[in-house]
Structure formats: C-alpha cells, structure tokens
Amino acid sequence: MRKLLYQSIVLPPLTEERPAVDESALAELAVSVDRAARRRLGRSLAIREVDAGSCNGCELEIHALNNAFYDLERFGIRFVASPRHADVLMVTGPVTKNMREALERTYAVTPDPKWVVAVGDCALNGGMFAGSYAITGGVSSVVPVDLHIGGCPPTPTALLKGLLALLEGAAVQRR
C-alpha cells in the first residue's frame, strides 16, 4: 500500500495533453457554421445524433463538441433530444438489423428541410463490421445521406467543417 501511495505522489498523472487547436480558428469556424445555418434555416442549427450500431468512437468525438473546450452551445448550435426538433441527423456506425427500423422512423419524423450526415468510416459502408450477419450496411442503404464525414473517428474540427460544407451547399446534392 505504501508503494502505491508513494508512486501516486511521485509519478505524474497518466493523462494526455490538451489537443492543439487554435481557439480563434475554432471560434471562427463555429461562427461560420452558425451564420450559414441562420442564412439557410433562419435560425440556429439543431442536431440529433443517432447511434445505429457503432463502437462509440464517433460518439465520443460528437460529444466532445459539447465539452468545455469546443462548447458549441455558445454559438447557437445545439443537440436536441427529439428528431422532431432536428435539422440534421448525425448517424454513426453501420446500421444493424435491430436499428434499421428505428433509423427509418427517426428519419420519417424529422421535419423538412432535413439533412442526414453519416459520421465515420463505418457509416459509409459498414467499415470493419461489413459482412457481419448483424449488419444491414452503411447508412445510405437505409436512408438518403447528404454528407459523409470520414475518419475512424473523425475529429470534432472535421465534424464542424463537414457541417459548414453541408450548410454552404458544398455537400452532396440535396434530395
């Protein structure tokens, strides 16, 4: 016990350094997303995150957008609990057979105009889960996808850049 106590006092904590991101560039990017949302929708952007069967790597990066470092709420971008209040569905992971109907229903109740963003490599084509008996496929095999943000997992900055591209019309042709 003394050895553990001594080590906890002498050794530094085993934590990672804070990500090296230029805060002014991040703030400018978030303001651009909010400005584009207000121009396209007349209000701030509301996002509903849907986990269709992922490993939760992408969810951690999406949730990082709400932490004290990125803090998207200060720019008016918010996550909502109901798809009925959402403008964007951020779908992560390959669509499992058990989540297929839930994703279809979520898409159906999201009001127009709506966009679907497939987040991560698994959402594109099933990723490392492709070919599994439990996987239907990528998100586009169930609902129409407007934008794919690649990465395993994509960084919060990449997620913001993807949202900006979606809102500015540089994304995949709208339905």
C-alpha atoms as a PDB file:
ATOM      1  CA  MET A   1       0.000   0.000   0.000  1.00  0.00           C
ATOM      2  CA  ARG A   2       2.853   2.384   0.808  1.00  0.00           C
ATOM      3  CA  LYS A   3       4.394   1.699  -2.570  1.00  0.00           C
ATOM      4  CA  LEU A   4       1.177   2.682  -4.382  1.00  0.00           C
ATOM      5  CA  LEU A   5       0.811   5.812  -2.272  1.00  0.00           C
ATOM      6  CA  TYR A   6       4.429   6.774  -2.942  1.00  0.00           C
ATOM      7  CA  GLN A   7       4.002   6.226  -6.692  1.00  0.00           C
ATOM      8  CA  SER A   8       0.851   8.333  -6.784  1.00  0.00           C
ATOM      9  CA  ILE A   9       2.709  11.209  -5.130  1.00  0.00           C
ATOM     10  CA  VAL A  10       5.952  10.971  -7.111  1.00  0.00           C
ATOM     11  CA  LEU A  11       4.789   9.971 -10.597  1.00  0.00           C
ATOM     12  CA  PRO A  12       2.886  12.436 -12.794  1.00  0.00           C
ATOM     13  CA  PRO A  13      -0.707  11.581 -13.784  1.00  0.00           C
ATOM     14  CA  LEU A  14      -1.200   9.441 -16.875  1.00  0.00           C
ATOM     15  CA  THR A  15      -3.307  11.858 -18.882  1.00  0.00           C
ATOM     16  CA  GLU A  16      -2.986  13.161 -22.389  1.00  0.00           C
ATOM     17  CA  GLU A  17      -2.173  16.715 -23.261  1.00  0.00           C
ATOM     18  CA  ARG A  18      -4.948  19.038 -24.368  1.00  0.00           C
ATOM     19  CA  PRO A  19      -5.493  18.932 -28.147  1.00  0.00           C
ATOM     20  CA  ALA A  20      -3.500  21.552 -30.021  1.00  0.00           C
ATOM     21  CA  VAL A  21      -6.232  23.606 -31.667  1.00  0.00           C
ATOM     22  CA  ASP A  22      -6.128  27.293 -32.421  1.00  0.00           C
ATOM     23  CA  GLU A  23      -9.034  28.634 -30.355  1.00  0.00           C
ATOM     24  CA  SER A  24      -9.562  31.644 -32.594  1.00  0.00           C
ATOM     25  CA  ALA A  25      -9.765  29.416 -35.693  1.00  0.00           C
ATOM     26  CA  LEU A  26     -12.190  27.112 -33.884  1.00  0.00           C
ATOM     27  CA  ALA A  27     -14.356  30.052 -32.811  1.00  0.00           C
ATOM     28  CA  GLU A  28     -14.313  31.416 -36.375  1.00  0.00           C
ATOM     29  CA  LEU A  29     -15.322  28.018 -37.760  1.00  0.00           C
ATOM     30  CA  ALA A  30     -18.216  27.684 -35.291  1.00  0.00           C
ATOM     31  CA  VAL A  31     -19.407  31.226 -36.056  1.00  0.00           C
ATOM     32  CA  SER A  32     -19.326  30.380 -39.778  1.00  0.00           C
ATOM     33  CA  VAL A  33     -21.482  27.292 -39.156  1.00  0.00           C
ATOM     34  CA  ASP A  34     -23.981  29.329 -37.140  1.00  0.00           C
ATOM     35  CA  ARG A  35     -24.071  32.104 -39.774  1.00  0.00           C
ATOM     36  CA  ALA A  36     -24.656  29.569 -42.561  1.00  0.00           C
ATOM     37  CA  ALA A  37     -27.410  27.868 -40.522  1.00  0.00           C
ATOM     38  CA  ARG A  38     -29.183  31.155 -39.923  1.00  0.00           C
ATOM     39  CA  ARG A  39     -28.891  32.006 -43.631  1.00  0.00           C
ATOM     40  CA  ARG A  40     -30.253  28.608 -44.773  1.00  0.00           C
ATOM     41  CA  LEU A  41     -32.778  27.964 -41.983  1.00  0.00           C
ATOM     42  CA  GLY A  42     -33.456  31.369 -40.443  1.00  0.00           C
ATOM     43  CA  ARG A  43     -32.373  30.059 -37.038  1.00  0.00           C
ATOM     44  CA  SER A  44     -29.626  28.129 -35.321  1.00  0.00           C
ATOM     45  CA  LEU A  45     -28.812  24.527 -36.171  1.00  0.00           C
ATOM     46  CA  ALA A  46     -30.411  21.655 -34.218  1.00  0.00           C
ATOM     47  CA  ILE A  47     -28.671  18.264 -34.386  1.00  0.00           C
ATOM     48  CA  ARG A  48     -29.966  14.836 -33.401  1.00  0.00           C
ATOM     49  CA  GLU A  49     -27.290  12.185 -33.019  1.00  0.00           C
ATOM     50  CA  VAL A  50     -28.326   8.602 -33.827  1.00  0.00           C
ATOM     51  CA  ASP A  51     -26.147   5.613 -32.963  1.00  0.00           C
ATOM     52  CA  ALA A  52     -27.093   2.928 -35.481  1.00  0.00           C
ATOM     53  CA  GLY A  53     -24.742   0.302 -34.059  1.00  0.00           C
ATOM     54  CA  SER A  54     -21.262   1.791 -33.745  1.00  0.00           C
ATOM     55  CA  CYS A  55     -18.341   1.088 -31.416  1.00  0.00           C
ATOM     56  CA  ASN A  56     -18.910   4.538 -29.782  1.00  0.00           C
ATOM     57  CA  GLY A  57     -15.676   6.072 -31.083  1.00  0.00           C
ATOM     58  CA  CYS A  58     -17.564   8.564 -33.236  1.00  0.00           C
ATOM     59  CA  GLU A  59     -19.986   9.345 -30.405  1.00  0.00           C
ATOM     60  CA  LEU A  60     -17.088  10.366 -28.173  1.00  0.00           C
ATOM     61  CA  GLU A  61     -15.954  12.880 -30.791  1.00  0.00           C
ATOM     62  CA  ILE A  62     -19.503  14.169 -31.311  1.00  0.00           C
ATOM     63  CA  HIS A  63     -19.956  14.579 -27.566  1.00  0.00           C
ATOM     64  CA  ALA A  64     -16.646  16.447 -27.462  1.00  0.00           C
ATOM     65  CA  LEU A  65     -18.358  19.201 -29.450  1.00  0.00           C
ATOM     66  CA  ASN A  66     -20.358  19.961 -26.287  1.00  0.00           C
ATOM     67  CA  ASN A  67     -17.465  19.864 -23.819  1.00  0.00           C
ATOM     68  CA  ALA A  68     -15.870  22.953 -22.283  1.00  0.00           C
ATOM     69  CA  PHE A  69     -13.164  23.093 -24.959  1.00  0.00           C
ATOM     70  CA  TYR A  70     -15.393  23.244 -28.063  1.00  0.00           C
ATOM     71  CA  ASP A  71     -18.672  24.377 -26.388  1.00  0.00           C
ATOM     72  CA  LEU A  72     -20.897  24.644 -29.455  1.00  0.00           C
ATOM     73  CA  GLU A  73     -23.873  25.918 -27.474  1.00  0.00           C
ATOM     74  CA  ARG A  74     -22.203  29.328 -27.210  1.00  0.00           C
ATOM     75  CA  PHE A  75     -22.592  29.635 -30.993  1.00  0.00           C
ATOM     76  CA  GLY A  76     -26.229  28.571 -31.029  1.00  0.00           C
ATOM     77  CA  ILE A  77     -25.593  25.066 -32.369  1.00  0.00           C
ATOM     78  CA  ARG A  78     -27.326  22.571 -30.148  1.00  0.00           C
ATOM     79  CA  PHE A  79     -28.085  18.892 -29.816  1.00  0.00           C
ATOM     80  CA  VAL A  80     -31.745  18.025 -29.364  1.00  0.00           C
ATOM     81  CA  ALA A  81     -33.369  15.022 -27.733  1.00  0.00           C
ATOM     82  CA  SER A  82     -36.130  14.548 -30.271  1.00  0.00           C
ATOM     83  CA  PRO A  83     -35.803  14.101 -34.026  1.00  0.00           C
ATOM     84  CA  ARG A  84     -38.970  16.215 -34.343  1.00  0.00           C
ATOM     85  CA  HIS A  85     -36.871  19.260 -33.395  1.00  0.00           C
ATOM     86  CA  ALA A  86     -33.817  18.441 -35.525  1.00  0.00           C
ATOM     87  CA  ASP A  87     -32.464  19.857 -38.772  1.00  0.00           C
ATOM     88  CA  VAL A  88     -29.572  17.400 -39.056  1.00  0.00           C
ATOM     89  CA  LEU A  89     -29.427  13.707 -38.223  1.00  0.00           C
ATOM     90  CA  MET A  90     -25.844  12.703 -37.429  1.00  0.00           C
ATOM     91  CA  VAL A  91     -25.794   8.927 -37.809  1.00  0.00           C
ATOM     92  CA  THR A  92     -22.843   6.894 -36.596  1.00  0.00           C
ATOM     93  CA  GLY A  93     -21.859   3.302 -37.147  1.00  0.00           C
ATOM     94  CA  PRO A  94     -23.049   0.660 -39.547  1.00  0.00           C
ATOM     95  CA  VAL A  95     -26.789   0.121 -39.434  1.00  0.00           C
ATOM     96  CA  THR A  96     -27.516  -3.049 -37.535  1.00  0.00           C
ATOM     97  CA  LYS A  97     -30.549  -5.150 -38.367  1.00  0.00           C
ATOM     98  CA  ASN A  98     -32.048  -4.227 -34.998  1.00  0.00           C
ATOM     99  CA  MET A  99     -31.613  -0.467 -35.628  1.00  0.00           C
ATOM    100  CA  ARG A 100     -32.834  -0.351 -39.229  1.00  0.00           C
ATOM    101  CA  GLU A 101     -36.491   0.299 -38.411  1.00  0.00           C
ATOM    102  CA  ALA A 102     -35.609   2.790 -35.662  1.00  0.00           C
ATOM    103  CA  LEU A 103     -33.444   4.779 -38.100  1.00  0.00           C
ATOM    104  CA  GLU A 104     -36.192   4.746 -40.737  1.00  0.00           C
ATOM    105  CA  ARG A 105     -38.728   6.008 -38.178  1.00  0.00           C
ATOM    106  CA  THR A 106     -36.342   8.695 -36.935  1.00  0.00           C
ATOM    107  CA  TYR A 107     -35.806   9.897 -40.487  1.00  0.00           C
ATOM    108  CA  ALA A 108     -39.561   9.897 -41.161  1.00  0.00           C
ATOM    109  CA  VAL A 109     -40.416  12.121 -38.173  1.00  0.00           C
ATOM    110  CA  THR A 110     -37.625  14.641 -38.761  1.00  0.00           C
ATOM    111  CA  PRO A 111     -39.224  17.721 -40.343  1.00  0.00           C
ATOM    112  CA  ASP A 112     -38.150  19.135 -43.700  1.00  0.00           C
ATOM    113  CA  PRO A 113     -35.712  20.601 -44.575  1.00  0.00           C
ATOM    114  CA  LYS A 114     -33.586  17.845 -43.121  1.00  0.00           C
ATOM    115  CA  TRP A 115     -30.120  16.588 -43.778  1.00  0.00           C
ATOM    116  CA  VAL A 116     -28.504  13.278 -42.926  1.00  0.00           C
ATOM    117  CA  VAL A 117     -24.807  13.214 -42.102  1.00  0.00           C
ATOM    118  CA  ALA A 118     -23.093   9.825 -41.975  1.00  0.00           C
ATOM    119  CA  VAL A 119     -20.250  10.114 -39.459  1.00  0.00           C
ATOM    120  CA  GLY A 120     -17.234   7.826 -39.608  1.00  0.00           C
ATOM    121  CA  ASP A 121     -15.979   5.096 -41.882  1.00  0.00           C
ATOM    122  CA  CYS A 122     -18.468   2.519 -40.576  1.00  0.00           C
ATOM    123  CA  ALA A 123     -21.412   4.732 -41.543  1.00  0.00           C
ATOM    124  CA  LEU A 124     -20.168   4.772 -45.145  1.00  0.00           C
ATOM    125  CA  ASN A 125     -20.097   1.051 -45.878  1.00  0.00           C
ATOM    126  CA  GLY A 126     -20.083  -0.864 -42.604  1.00  0.00           C
ATOM    127  CA  GLY A 127     -16.355  -0.376 -42.012  1.00  0.00           C
ATOM    128  CA  MET A 128     -14.742  -3.153 -40.049  1.00  0.00           C
ATOM    129  CA  PHE A 129     -18.189  -4.605 -39.331  1.00  0.00           C
ATOM    130  CA  ALA A 130     -19.064  -5.061 -43.027  1.00  0.00           C
ATOM    131  CA  GLY A 131     -20.149  -8.575 -43.897  1.00  0.00           C
ATOM    132  CA  SER A 132     -21.359  -9.375 -40.395  1.00  0.00           C
ATOM    133  CA  TYR A 133     -24.653 -11.221 -40.106  1.00  0.00           C
ATOM    134  CA  ALA A 134     -25.936  -8.455 -37.818  1.00  0.00           C
ATOM    135  CA  ILE A 135     -25.201  -5.533 -40.172  1.00  0.00           C
ATOM    136  CA  THR A 136     -27.572  -4.165 -42.815  1.00  0.00           C
ATOM    137  CA  GLY A 137     -24.869  -1.942 -44.314  1.00  0.00           C
ATOM    138  CA  GLY A 138     -23.953   1.721 -44.368  1.00  0.00           C
ATOM    139  CA  VAL A 139     -26.389   4.493 -43.534  1.00  0.00           C
ATOM    140  CA  SER A 140     -27.101   5.181 -47.216  1.00  0.00           C
ATOM    141  CA  SER A 141     -28.555   1.687 -47.578  1.00  0.00           C
ATOM    142  CA  VAL A 142     -31.376   2.719 -45.210  1.00  0.00           C
ATOM    143  CA  VAL A 143     -31.902   6.487 -45.572  1.00  0.00           C
ATOM    144  CA  PRO A 144     -30.632   9.069 -48.092  1.00  0.00           C
ATOM    145  CA  VAL A 145     -27.328  10.606 -46.979  1.00  0.00           C
ATOM    146  CA  ASP A 146     -26.448  14.229 -47.767  1.00  0.00           C
ATOM    147  CA  LEU A 147     -22.883  14.221 -46.435  1.00  0.00           C
ATOM    148  CA  HIS A 148     -20.317  11.697 -45.299  1.00  0.00           C
ATOM    149  CA  ILE A 149     -17.628  12.775 -42.827  1.00  0.00           C
ATOM    150  CA  GLY A 150     -14.857  10.210 -42.978  1.00  0.00           C
ATOM    151  CA  GLY A 151     -12.465   9.123 -40.294  1.00  0.00           C
ATOM    152  CA  CYS A 152     -12.198   6.488 -37.632  1.00  0.00           C
ATOM    153  CA  PRO A 153     -13.286   8.506 -35.728  1.00  0.00           C
ATOM    154  CA  PRO A 154     -13.413  11.992 -37.286  1.00  0.00           C
ATOM    155  CA  THR A 155     -12.158  14.843 -35.108  1.00  0.00           C
ATOM    156  CA  PRO A 156     -14.558  17.456 -33.708  1.00  0.00           C
ATOM    157  CA  THR A 157     -12.970  20.012 -36.037  1.00  0.00           C
ATOM    158  CA  ALA A 158     -13.666  17.730 -39.020  1.00  0.00           C
ATOM    159  CA  LEU A 159     -17.273  17.428 -37.843  1.00  0.00           C
ATOM    160  CA  LEU A 160     -17.605  21.223 -37.755  1.00  0.00           C
ATOM    161  CA  LYS A 161     -16.051  21.579 -41.198  1.00  0.00           C
ATOM    162  CA  GLY A 162     -18.474  18.959 -42.511  1.00  0.00           C
ATOM    163  CA  LEU A 163     -21.469  20.795 -41.075  1.00  0.00           C
ATOM    164  CA  LEU A 164     -20.245  24.032 -42.623  1.00  0.00           C
ATOM    165  CA  ALA A 165     -19.808  22.338 -46.011  1.00  0.00           C
ATOM    166  CA  LEU A 166     -23.312  20.891 -45.716  1.00  0.00           C
ATOM    167  CA  LEU A 167     -24.874  24.245 -44.923  1.00  0.00           C
ATOM    168  CA  GLU A 168     -22.954  26.130 -47.588  1.00  0.00           C
ATOM    169  CA  GLY A 169     -24.099  23.706 -50.260  1.00  0.00           C
ATOM    170  CA  ALA A 170     -20.691  22.169 -50.932  1.00  0.00           C
ATOM    171  CA  ALA A 171     -22.006  18.812 -49.791  1.00  0.00           C
ATOM    172  CA  VAL A 172     -23.674  16.095 -51.832  1.00  0.00           C
ATOM    173  CA  GLN A 173     -26.603  17.271 -53.969  1.00  0.00           C
ATOM    174  CA  ARG A 174     -29.738  17.685 -51.846  1.00  0.00           C
ATOM    175  CA  ARG A 175     -32.743  15.465 -52.447  1.00  0.00           C
END
